[in-house]
Amino acid sequence: MAVVAVAIVAVSTSAILVRLSEAPSLVKAFYRVLFTTAFILPFAGRYREAFGRIGRRDLLFAVVSGIALAVHFAAWFESLEWTSVAASVTLVQVQPIFVAVGAWALLDEHLNARMVGGILVALVGAAILSGAGLLGEGVVGANPLYGNLLAIVGAIMAAGYVLAGRSLRQRLPLVPYVLVVYGVAAVALFGFVVIEGAALSGYPPREWVLFVAMAVGPGLLGHTLINWALKYVESSVISVSLLGEPVGSAILALFIFTEIPGTATVVGGSVVLLGIFVTARARQV
């Protein structure tokens, strides 16, 4: 559990690091994925046989999963430009809801009554958050509604990444799985950057430090540790523990950016987290 605690603290810094950087959102997303992949690459030699077992079907899943991950980062990083850290991180965290719905629709997995109830509760919370952005009452950000919608897109794409990568992860160890999917995501994000016409160089040293910090903190010490911990800790415990990310990010944003969430954001966010908690627990029953 100590490893899980470290991972939650690490992922809680993600939104803060993104907000601190002044580079374009797609550039930040690209370098986070690229540097995370580069730090893991030295371990690839130990898994040559696993890489050799990757067939066409697995490559297809890797491409779909990697592209979904790329869009997730692109949408979520841009979301943080328009809405509060608390709202953005809470809404992007609803991906377990979309995973449950996607597994039911695409993989014919059963949805029990508690899961349906949790999904409905989370949707009510999301509606409260979005309604606050629409009314512009007690919210933070240049365009909270737009930012909140981008965060939801990020959550949907994160769910697609999980669902598409599920089959691949069952046949590959962690390192080959991460390198293949992250490699696809990096290529996709590079394409997005080129299409946007954003510069990949010319940034001051401060920006490069932030790019590396995004990879080392949320990337390696966050999500990679969580994937490692899944071998030793029940997935239900991990799912519930991840609810600490929005809370941790909101606290950090309060002290670093003096960003005080409005009442609707606090209420809506709390309802969303309750819905995720119920759904995550119900999926393990």
C-alpha atoms as a PDB file:
ATOM      1  CA  MET A   1       0.000   0.000   0.000  1.00  0.00           C
ATOM      2  CA  ALA A   2       2.982   2.325   0.496  1.00  0.00           C
ATOM      3  CA  VAL A   3       3.698   2.044  -3.239  1.00  0.00           C
ATOM      4  CA  VAL A   4       0.085   2.905  -4.032  1.00  0.00           C
ATOM      5  CA  ALA A   5       0.272   5.951  -1.749  1.00  0.00           C
ATOM      6  CA  VAL A   6       3.418   7.166  -3.545  1.00  0.00           C
ATOM      7  CA  ALA A   7       1.703   6.636  -6.909  1.00  0.00           C
ATOM      8  CA  ILE A   8      -1.377   8.641  -5.890  1.00  0.00           C
ATOM      9  CA  VAL A   9       0.775  11.557  -4.721  1.00  0.00           C
ATOM     10  CA  ALA A  10       2.708  11.394  -8.005  1.00  0.00           C
ATOM     11  CA  VAL A  11      -0.361  11.411 -10.255  1.00  0.00           C
ATOM     12  CA  SER A  12      -1.833  14.267  -8.210  1.00  0.00           C
ATOM     13  CA  THR A  13       0.991  16.479  -9.478  1.00  0.00           C
ATOM     14  CA  SER A  14       0.099  15.895 -13.138  1.00  0.00           C
ATOM     15  CA  ALA A  15      -2.449  18.691 -13.525  1.00  0.00           C
ATOM     16  CA  ILE A  16      -0.209  21.086 -11.590  1.00  0.00           C
ATOM     17  CA  LEU A  17       2.791  20.431 -13.841  1.00  0.00           C
ATOM     18  CA  VAL A  18       0.643  20.817 -16.950  1.00  0.00           C
ATOM     19  CA  ARG A  19      -0.765  24.112 -15.689  1.00  0.00           C
ATOM     20  CA  LEU A  20       2.722  25.418 -14.779  1.00  0.00           C
ATOM     21  CA  SER A  21       3.993  24.834 -18.312  1.00  0.00           C
ATOM     22  CA  GLU A  22       3.371  27.568 -20.865  1.00  0.00           C
ATOM     23  CA  ALA A  23       3.988  25.344 -23.899  1.00  0.00           C
ATOM     24  CA  PRO A  24       1.100  24.353 -26.219  1.00  0.00           C
ATOM     25  CA  SER A  25      -1.021  21.519 -24.821  1.00  0.00           C
ATOM     26  CA  LEU A  26      -0.125  19.074 -27.607  1.00  0.00           C
ATOM     27  CA  VAL A  27       3.585  19.734 -27.118  1.00  0.00           C
ATOM     28  CA  LYS A  28       3.311  19.054 -23.393  1.00  0.00           C
ATOM     29  CA  ALA A  29       1.408  15.824 -24.047  1.00  0.00           C
ATOM     30  CA  PHE A  30       3.917  14.683 -26.681  1.00  0.00           C
ATOM     31  CA  TYR A  31       6.974  15.208 -24.511  1.00  0.00           C
ATOM     32  CA  ARG A  32       5.367  13.591 -21.478  1.00  0.00           C
ATOM     33  CA  VAL A  33       4.709  10.395 -23.441  1.00  0.00           C
ATOM     34  CA  LEU A  34       8.021  10.539 -25.321  1.00  0.00           C
ATOM     35  CA  PHE A  35      10.161  10.995 -22.208  1.00  0.00           C
ATOM     36  CA  THR A  36       8.224   8.360 -20.253  1.00  0.00           C
ATOM     37  CA  THR A  37       8.831   5.904 -23.098  1.00  0.00           C
ATOM     38  CA  ALA A  38      12.517   6.856 -23.258  1.00  0.00           C
ATOM     39  CA  PHE A  39      12.991   6.200 -19.530  1.00  0.00           C
ATOM     40  CA  ILE A  40      11.454   2.707 -19.853  1.00  0.00           C
ATOM     41  CA  LEU A  41      13.236   1.805 -23.113  1.00  0.00           C
ATOM     42  CA  PRO A  42      16.507   0.611 -21.479  1.00  0.00           C
ATOM     43  CA  PHE A  43      14.566  -2.313 -19.949  1.00  0.00           C
ATOM     44  CA  ALA A  44      13.310  -3.534 -23.334  1.00  0.00           C
ATOM     45  CA  GLY A  45      16.231  -5.922 -23.875  1.00  0.00           C
ATOM     46  CA  ARG A  46      14.985  -8.234 -21.140  1.00  0.00           C
ATOM     47  CA  TYR A  47      11.734  -8.872 -23.014  1.00  0.00           C
ATOM     48  CA  ARG A  48      12.855  -9.772 -26.533  1.00  0.00           C
ATOM     49  CA  GLU A  49      10.764 -12.947 -26.595  1.00  0.00           C
ATOM     50  CA  ALA A  50       7.651 -11.040 -25.511  1.00  0.00           C
ATOM     51  CA  PHE A  51       8.134  -8.505 -28.305  1.00  0.00           C
ATOM     52  CA  GLY A  52       8.540 -11.377 -30.754  1.00  0.00           C
ATOM     53  CA  ARG A  53       5.145 -12.772 -29.778  1.00  0.00           C
ATOM     54  CA  ILE A  54       3.297  -9.617 -30.861  1.00  0.00           C
ATOM     55  CA  GLY A  55       1.157 -10.526 -33.873  1.00  0.00           C
ATOM     56  CA  ARG A  56      -1.057  -8.527 -36.216  1.00  0.00           C
ATOM     57  CA  ARG A  57      -4.063  -8.696 -33.910  1.00  0.00           C
ATOM     58  CA  ASP A  58      -2.035  -7.430 -30.973  1.00  0.00           C
ATOM     59  CA  LEU A  59      -0.588  -4.630 -33.106  1.00  0.00           C
ATOM     60  CA  LEU A  60      -4.116  -3.576 -34.012  1.00  0.00           C
ATOM     61  CA  PHE A  61      -5.083  -3.402 -30.339  1.00  0.00           C
ATOM     62  CA  ALA A  62      -1.869  -1.485 -29.604  1.00  0.00           C
ATOM     63  CA  VAL A  63      -2.614   1.072 -32.328  1.00  0.00           C
ATOM     64  CA  VAL A  64      -6.184   1.620 -31.112  1.00  0.00           C
ATOM     65  CA  SER A  65      -5.067   1.798 -27.478  1.00  0.00           C
ATOM     66  CA  GLY A  66      -2.171   4.140 -28.241  1.00  0.00           C
ATOM     67  CA  ILE A  67      -4.265   6.530 -30.338  1.00  0.00           C
ATOM     68  CA  ALA A  68      -6.936   6.604 -27.618  1.00  0.00           C
ATOM     69  CA  LEU A  69      -4.236   7.417 -25.047  1.00  0.00           C
ATOM     70  CA  ALA A  70      -2.875  10.193 -27.261  1.00  0.00           C
ATOM     71  CA  VAL A  71      -6.304  11.805 -27.640  1.00  0.00           C
ATOM     72  CA  HIS A  72      -6.842  11.410 -23.888  1.00  0.00           C
ATOM     73  CA  PHE A  73      -3.718  13.419 -23.096  1.00  0.00           C
ATOM     74  CA  ALA A  74      -4.417  15.985 -25.818  1.00  0.00           C
ATOM     75  CA  ALA A  75      -7.982  16.620 -24.628  1.00  0.00           C
ATOM     76  CA  TRP A  76      -7.198  16.621 -20.918  1.00  0.00           C
ATOM     77  CA  PHE A  77      -4.123  18.864 -21.166  1.00  0.00           C
ATOM     78  CA  GLU A  78      -6.153  21.357 -23.201  1.00  0.00           C
ATOM     79  CA  SER A  79      -8.983  21.108 -20.662  1.00  0.00           C
ATOM     80  CA  LEU A  80      -6.673  22.486 -17.979  1.00  0.00           C
ATOM     81  CA  GLU A  81      -6.275  25.668 -20.048  1.00  0.00           C
ATOM     82  CA  TRP A  82      -9.987  26.447 -19.757  1.00  0.00           C
ATOM     83  CA  THR A  83     -11.362  25.151 -16.466  1.00  0.00           C
ATOM     84  CA  SER A  84     -10.258  24.639 -12.873  1.00  0.00           C
ATOM     85  CA  VAL A  85      -7.868  21.896 -11.822  1.00  0.00           C
ATOM     86  CA  ALA A  86     -10.515  20.477  -9.475  1.00  0.00           C
ATOM     87  CA  ALA A  87     -13.194  20.213 -12.179  1.00  0.00           C
ATOM     88  CA  SER A  88     -10.859  18.921 -14.891  1.00  0.00           C
ATOM     89  CA  VAL A  89      -9.184  16.236 -12.781  1.00  0.00           C
ATOM     90  CA  THR A  90     -12.493  15.082 -11.303  1.00  0.00           C
ATOM     91  CA  LEU A  91     -14.203  14.752 -14.689  1.00  0.00           C
ATOM     92  CA  VAL A  92     -11.280  13.008 -16.381  1.00  0.00           C
ATOM     93  CA  GLN A  93     -11.281  10.547 -13.478  1.00  0.00           C
ATOM     94  CA  VAL A  94     -14.743   9.235 -14.481  1.00  0.00           C
ATOM     95  CA  GLN A  95     -13.093   6.876 -16.976  1.00  0.00           C
ATOM     96  CA  PRO A  96     -14.067   3.802 -14.853  1.00  0.00           C
ATOM     97  CA  ILE A  97     -17.689   4.732 -15.604  1.00  0.00           C
ATOM     98  CA  PHE A  98     -17.044   4.641 -19.345  1.00  0.00           C
ATOM     99  CA  VAL A  99     -14.989   1.451 -18.967  1.00  0.00           C
ATOM    100  CA  ALA A 100     -17.963  -0.229 -17.298  1.00  0.00           C
ATOM    101  CA  VAL A 101     -20.370   0.982 -19.983  1.00  0.00           C
ATOM    102  CA  GLY A 102     -17.954   0.078 -22.788  1.00  0.00           C
ATOM    103  CA  ALA A 103     -17.350  -3.397 -21.376  1.00  0.00           C
ATOM    104  CA  TRP A 104     -21.115  -3.912 -21.231  1.00  0.00           C
ATOM    105  CA  ALA A 105     -21.725  -2.626 -24.779  1.00  0.00           C
ATOM    106  CA  LEU A 106     -18.674  -4.106 -26.521  1.00  0.00           C
ATOM    107  CA  LEU A 107     -17.588  -7.076 -24.426  1.00  0.00           C
ATOM    108  CA  ASP A 108     -20.986  -8.227 -23.171  1.00  0.00           C
ATOM    109  CA  GLU A 109     -19.968  -7.835 -19.524  1.00  0.00           C
ATOM    110  CA  HIS A 110     -22.761  -7.692 -16.962  1.00  0.00           C
ATOM    111  CA  LEU A 111     -23.888  -4.456 -15.334  1.00  0.00           C
ATOM    112  CA  ASN A 112     -25.376  -5.086 -11.902  1.00  0.00           C
ATOM    113  CA  ALA A 113     -27.780  -2.757 -10.112  1.00  0.00           C
ATOM    114  CA  ARG A 114     -25.058  -1.144  -7.977  1.00  0.00           C
ATOM    115  CA  MET A 115     -22.978  -0.366 -11.033  1.00  0.00           C
ATOM    116  CA  VAL A 116     -25.937   1.234 -12.786  1.00  0.00           C
ATOM    117  CA  GLY A 117     -26.661   3.244  -9.649  1.00  0.00           C
ATOM    118  CA  GLY A 118     -23.047   4.396  -9.408  1.00  0.00           C
ATOM    119  CA  ILE A 119     -23.023   5.416 -13.076  1.00  0.00           C
ATOM    120  CA  LEU A 120     -26.201   7.447 -12.638  1.00  0.00           C
ATOM    121  CA  VAL A 121     -24.822   9.171  -9.531  1.00  0.00           C
ATOM    122  CA  ALA A 122     -21.604  10.068 -11.379  1.00  0.00           C
ATOM    123  CA  LEU A 123     -23.610  11.461 -14.310  1.00  0.00           C
ATOM    124  CA  VAL A 124     -25.607  13.649 -11.935  1.00  0.00           C
ATOM    125  CA  GLY A 125     -22.368  14.986 -10.478  1.00  0.00           C
ATOM    126  CA  ALA A 126     -20.990  15.637 -13.959  1.00  0.00           C
ATOM    127  CA  ALA A 127     -24.191  17.502 -14.832  1.00  0.00           C
ATOM    128  CA  ILE A 128     -23.790  19.693 -11.735  1.00  0.00           C
ATOM    129  CA  LEU A 129     -20.186  20.497 -12.727  1.00  0.00           C
ATOM    130  CA  SER A 130     -21.165  21.241 -16.328  1.00  0.00           C
ATOM    131  CA  GLY A 131     -24.158  23.285 -15.231  1.00  0.00           C
ATOM    132  CA  ALA A 132     -21.892  25.404 -13.080  1.00  0.00           C
ATOM    133  CA  GLY A 133     -19.694  26.037 -16.095  1.00  0.00           C
ATOM    134  CA  LEU A 134     -22.711  26.960 -18.211  1.00  0.00           C
ATOM    135  CA  LEU A 135     -24.024  29.427 -15.633  1.00  0.00           C
ATOM    136  CA  GLY A 136     -20.573  30.802 -14.857  1.00  0.00           C
ATOM    137  CA  GLU A 137     -21.342  30.941 -11.156  1.00  0.00           C
ATOM    138  CA  GLY A 138     -18.495  30.388  -8.708  1.00  0.00           C
ATOM    139  CA  VAL A 139     -16.285  28.684 -11.298  1.00  0.00           C
ATOM    140  CA  VAL A 140     -12.649  29.119 -12.293  1.00  0.00           C
ATOM    141  CA  GLY A 141     -11.303  29.307 -15.844  1.00  0.00           C
ATOM    142  CA  ALA A 142     -11.666  31.204 -19.123  1.00  0.00           C
ATOM    143  CA  ASN A 143     -14.355  28.838 -20.432  1.00  0.00           C
ATOM    144  CA  PRO A 144     -15.252  26.251 -17.766  1.00  0.00           C
ATOM    145  CA  LEU A 145     -17.966  24.515 -19.793  1.00  0.00           C
ATOM    146  CA  TYR A 146     -15.622  23.945 -22.731  1.00  0.00           C
ATOM    147  CA  GLY A 147     -12.846  22.787 -20.419  1.00  0.00           C
ATOM    148  CA  ASN A 148     -15.190  20.404 -18.610  1.00  0.00           C
ATOM    149  CA  LEU A 149     -16.367  18.897 -21.903  1.00  0.00           C
ATOM    150  CA  LEU A 150     -12.759  18.359 -22.969  1.00  0.00           C
ATOM    151  CA  ALA A 151     -12.089  16.586 -19.662  1.00  0.00           C
ATOM    152  CA  ILE A 152     -15.032  14.256 -20.346  1.00  0.00           C
ATOM    153  CA  VAL A 153     -13.630  13.543 -23.823  1.00  0.00           C
ATOM    154  CA  GLY A 154     -10.347  12.739 -22.091  1.00  0.00           C
ATOM    155  CA  ALA A 155     -12.158  10.318 -19.781  1.00  0.00           C
ATOM    156  CA  ILE A 156     -13.875   8.577 -22.707  1.00  0.00           C
ATOM    157  CA  MET A 157     -10.536   8.198 -24.509  1.00  0.00           C
ATOM    158  CA  ALA A 158      -8.898   6.864 -21.336  1.00  0.00           C
ATOM    159  CA  ALA A 159     -11.645   4.240 -21.174  1.00  0.00           C
ATOM    160  CA  GLY A 160     -10.983   3.356 -24.810  1.00  0.00           C
ATOM    161  CA  TYR A 161      -7.284   2.995 -23.990  1.00  0.00           C
ATOM    162  CA  VAL A 162      -8.098   0.602 -21.140  1.00  0.00           C
ATOM    163  CA  LEU A 163     -10.606  -1.468 -23.127  1.00  0.00           C
ATOM    164  CA  ALA A 164      -8.430  -1.731 -26.244  1.00  0.00           C
ATOM    165  CA  GLY A 165      -5.332  -2.548 -24.231  1.00  0.00           C
ATOM    166  CA  ARG A 166      -6.986  -5.152 -22.004  1.00  0.00           C
ATOM    167  CA  SER A 167      -6.431  -8.027 -24.438  1.00  0.00           C
ATOM    168  CA  LEU A 168      -2.853  -6.985 -25.191  1.00  0.00           C
ATOM    169  CA  ARG A 169      -1.980  -6.629 -21.493  1.00  0.00           C
ATOM    170  CA  GLN A 170      -3.117 -10.218 -20.837  1.00  0.00           C
ATOM    171  CA  ARG A 171      -0.479 -11.535 -23.240  1.00  0.00           C
ATOM    172  CA  LEU A 172       2.394  -9.135 -22.583  1.00  0.00           C
ATOM    173  CA  PRO A 173       4.391  -8.220 -19.468  1.00  0.00           C
ATOM    174  CA  LEU A 174       4.174  -4.625 -18.266  1.00  0.00           C
ATOM    175  CA  VAL A 175       7.315  -3.239 -19.953  1.00  0.00           C
ATOM    176  CA  PRO A 176       6.596  -4.474 -23.513  1.00  0.00           C
ATOM    177  CA  TYR A 177       2.954  -3.444 -23.173  1.00  0.00           C
ATOM    178  CA  VAL A 178       3.827   0.081 -22.049  1.00  0.00           C
ATOM    179  CA  LEU A 179       6.531   0.539 -24.681  1.00  0.00           C
ATOM    180  CA  VAL A 180       4.331  -0.583 -27.560  1.00  0.00           C
ATOM    181  CA  VAL A 181       1.277   1.454 -26.556  1.00  0.00           C
ATOM    182  CA  TYR A 182       3.266   4.513 -25.480  1.00  0.00           C
ATOM    183  CA  GLY A 183       5.235   4.328 -28.713  1.00  0.00           C
ATOM    184  CA  VAL A 184       2.028   4.464 -30.747  1.00  0.00           C
ATOM    185  CA  ALA A 185       0.740   7.316 -28.565  1.00  0.00           C
ATOM    186  CA  ALA A 186       3.971   9.278 -29.061  1.00  0.00           C
ATOM    187  CA  VAL A 187       3.765   8.886 -32.844  1.00  0.00           C
ATOM    188  CA  ALA A 188       0.102   9.964 -32.817  1.00  0.00           C
ATOM    189  CA  LEU A 189       0.840  13.017 -30.671  1.00  0.00           C
ATOM    190  CA  PHE A 190       3.761  13.935 -32.918  1.00  0.00           C
ATOM    191  CA  GLY A 191       1.325  13.883 -35.838  1.00  0.00           C
ATOM    192  CA  PHE A 192      -1.099  16.115 -33.923  1.00  0.00           C
ATOM    193  CA  VAL A 193       1.703  18.592 -33.175  1.00  0.00           C
ATOM    194  CA  VAL A 194       2.735  18.714 -36.838  1.00  0.00           C
ATOM    195  CA  ILE A 195      -0.860  19.256 -37.961  1.00  0.00           C
ATOM    196  CA  GLU A 196      -1.283  22.066 -35.432  1.00  0.00           C
ATOM    197  CA  GLY A 197       2.015  23.601 -36.539  1.00  0.00           C
ATOM    198  CA  ALA A 198       3.327  23.946 -32.976  1.00  0.00           C
ATOM    199  CA  ALA A 199       7.063  24.260 -32.360  1.00  0.00           C
ATOM    200  CA  LEU A 200       8.890  21.291 -30.827  1.00  0.00           C
ATOM    201  CA  SER A 201      12.001  23.278 -29.899  1.00  0.00           C
ATOM    202  CA  GLY A 202      13.019  26.722 -28.731  1.00  0.00           C
ATOM    203  CA  TYR A 203      11.559  26.406 -25.244  1.00  0.00           C
ATOM    204  CA  PRO A 204      13.410  27.776 -22.184  1.00  0.00           C
ATOM    205  CA  PRO A 205      15.092  25.349 -19.722  1.00  0.00           C
ATOM    206  CA  ARG A 206      12.148  25.713 -17.310  1.00  0.00           C
ATOM    207  CA  GLU A 207       9.826  24.079 -19.844  1.00  0.00           C
ATOM    208  CA  TRP A 208      12.148  21.123 -20.425  1.00  0.00           C
ATOM    209  CA  VAL A 209      12.366  20.570 -16.679  1.00  0.00           C
ATOM    210  CA  LEU A 210       8.563  20.491 -16.540  1.00  0.00           C
ATOM    211  CA  PHE A 211       8.370  18.059 -19.493  1.00  0.00           C
ATOM    212  CA  VAL A 212      10.767  15.683 -17.736  1.00  0.00           C
ATOM    213  CA  ALA A 213       8.928  16.128 -14.426  1.00  0.00           C
ATOM    214  CA  MET A 214       5.643  15.114 -16.107  1.00  0.00           C
ATOM    215  CA  ALA A 215       7.294  11.912 -17.320  1.00  0.00           C
ATOM    216  CA  VAL A 216       9.118  11.037 -14.084  1.00  0.00           C
ATOM    217  CA  GLY A 217       6.354  12.021 -11.634  1.00  0.00           C
ATOM    218  CA  PRO A 218       2.895  11.168 -13.018  1.00  0.00           C
ATOM    219  CA  GLY A 219       4.335   8.900 -15.746  1.00  0.00           C
ATOM    220  CA  LEU A 220       6.853   6.650 -13.993  1.00  0.00           C
ATOM    221  CA  LEU A 221       6.175   7.113 -10.277  1.00  0.00           C
ATOM    222  CA  GLY A 222       2.434   7.417 -10.904  1.00  0.00           C
ATOM    223  CA  HIS A 223       0.809   5.249 -13.545  1.00  0.00           C
ATOM    224  CA  THR A 224       3.699   2.813 -13.995  1.00  0.00           C
ATOM    225  CA  LEU A 225       3.803   2.078 -10.259  1.00  0.00           C
ATOM    226  CA  ILE A 226       0.030   1.625 -10.258  1.00  0.00           C
ATOM    227  CA  ASN A 227       0.273  -0.918 -13.087  1.00  0.00           C
ATOM    228  CA  TRP A 228       3.030  -2.712 -11.167  1.00  0.00           C
ATOM    229  CA  ALA A 229       1.005  -2.686  -7.943  1.00  0.00           C
ATOM    230  CA  LEU A 230      -1.960  -4.363  -9.661  1.00  0.00           C
ATOM    231  CA  LYS A 231      -0.016  -7.631  -9.419  1.00  0.00           C
ATOM    232  CA  TYR A 232       0.031  -7.423  -5.616  1.00  0.00           C
ATOM    233  CA  VAL A 233      -2.969  -5.260  -4.628  1.00  0.00           C
ATOM    234  CA  GLU A 234      -6.633  -5.896  -5.457  1.00  0.00           C
ATOM    235  CA  SER A 235      -7.845  -3.839  -8.411  1.00  0.00           C
ATOM    236  CA  SER A 236     -10.814  -2.621  -6.363  1.00  0.00           C
ATOM    237  CA  VAL A 237      -8.407  -1.088  -3.839  1.00  0.00           C
ATOM    238  CA  ILE A 238      -6.449   0.579  -6.649  1.00  0.00           C
ATOM    239  CA  SER A 239      -9.634   1.955  -8.242  1.00  0.00           C
ATOM    240  CA  VAL A 240     -10.835   3.494  -5.002  1.00  0.00           C
ATOM    241  CA  SER A 241      -7.350   4.797  -4.135  1.00  0.00           C
ATOM    242  CA  LEU A 242      -7.225   6.691  -7.441  1.00  0.00           C
ATOM    243  CA  LEU A 243     -10.077   8.844  -6.181  1.00  0.00           C
ATOM    244  CA  GLY A 244      -7.432  10.576  -4.111  1.00  0.00           C
ATOM    245  CA  GLU A 245      -6.003  12.170  -7.280  1.00  0.00           C
ATOM    246  CA  PRO A 246      -8.700  14.863  -7.712  1.00  0.00           C
ATOM    247  CA  VAL A 247      -8.502  15.697  -4.014  1.00  0.00           C
ATOM    248  CA  GLY A 248      -4.716  15.912  -4.038  1.00  0.00           C
ATOM    249  CA  SER A 249      -4.675  17.986  -7.234  1.00  0.00           C
ATOM    250  CA  ALA A 250      -7.296  20.393  -5.877  1.00  0.00           C
ATOM    251  CA  ILE A 251      -5.305  20.897  -2.660  1.00  0.00           C
ATOM    252  CA  LEU A 252      -2.108  21.555  -4.603  1.00  0.00           C
ATOM    253  CA  ALA A 253      -3.937  23.993  -6.912  1.00  0.00           C
ATOM    254  CA  LEU A 254      -5.279  25.822  -3.871  1.00  0.00           C
ATOM    255  CA  PHE A 255      -1.793  26.451  -2.491  1.00  0.00           C
ATOM    256  CA  ILE A 256       0.099  26.927  -5.770  1.00  0.00           C
ATOM    257  CA  PHE A 257      -2.430  28.856  -7.887  1.00  0.00           C
ATOM    258  CA  THR A 258      -4.742  30.118  -5.101  1.00  0.00           C
ATOM    259  CA  GLU A 259      -7.479  28.379  -7.060  1.00  0.00           C
ATOM    260  CA  ILE A 260     -10.567  28.101  -4.853  1.00  0.00           C
ATOM    261  CA  PRO A 261     -13.278  25.837  -6.309  1.00  0.00           C
ATOM    262  CA  GLY A 262     -16.827  27.183  -6.260  1.00  0.00           C
ATOM    263  CA  THR A 263     -19.633  25.521  -4.320  1.00  0.00           C
ATOM    264  CA  ALA A 264     -21.052  23.817  -7.423  1.00  0.00           C
ATOM    265  CA  THR A 265     -17.614  22.410  -8.272  1.00  0.00           C
ATOM    266  CA  VAL A 266     -17.153  21.002  -4.770  1.00  0.00           C
ATOM    267  CA  VAL A 267     -20.680  19.535  -4.640  1.00  0.00           C
ATOM    268  CA  GLY A 268     -20.623  18.208  -8.196  1.00  0.00           C
ATOM    269  CA  GLY A 269     -17.116  16.817  -7.780  1.00  0.00           C
ATOM    270  CA  SER A 270     -18.070  15.055  -4.560  1.00  0.00           C
ATOM    271  CA  VAL A 271     -21.089  13.460  -6.245  1.00  0.00           C
ATOM    272  CA  VAL A 272     -18.922  12.321  -9.182  1.00  0.00           C
ATOM    273  CA  LEU A 273     -16.383  10.735  -6.837  1.00  0.00           C
ATOM    274  CA  LEU A 274     -19.178   8.973  -4.946  1.00  0.00           C
ATOM    275  CA  GLY A 275     -20.515   7.545  -8.201  1.00  0.00           C
ATOM    276  CA  ILE A 276     -17.049   6.353  -9.257  1.00  0.00           C
ATOM    277  CA  PHE A 277     -16.533   4.783  -5.823  1.00  0.00           C
ATOM    278  CA  VAL A 278     -19.810   2.851  -6.015  1.00  0.00           C
ATOM    279  CA  THR A 279     -19.171   1.701  -9.587  1.00  0.00           C
ATOM    280  CA  ALA A 280     -15.555   0.666  -8.947  1.00  0.00           C
ATOM    281  CA  ARG A 281     -16.530  -1.344  -5.892  1.00  0.00           C
ATOM    282  CA  ALA A 282     -19.526  -2.927  -7.624  1.00  0.00           C
ATOM    283  CA  ARG A 283     -17.403  -4.119 -10.577  1.00  0.00           C
ATOM    284  CA  GLN A 284     -15.437  -6.338  -8.185  1.00  0.00           C
ATOM    285  CA  VAL A 285     -18.496  -7.999  -6.639  1.00  0.00           C
END
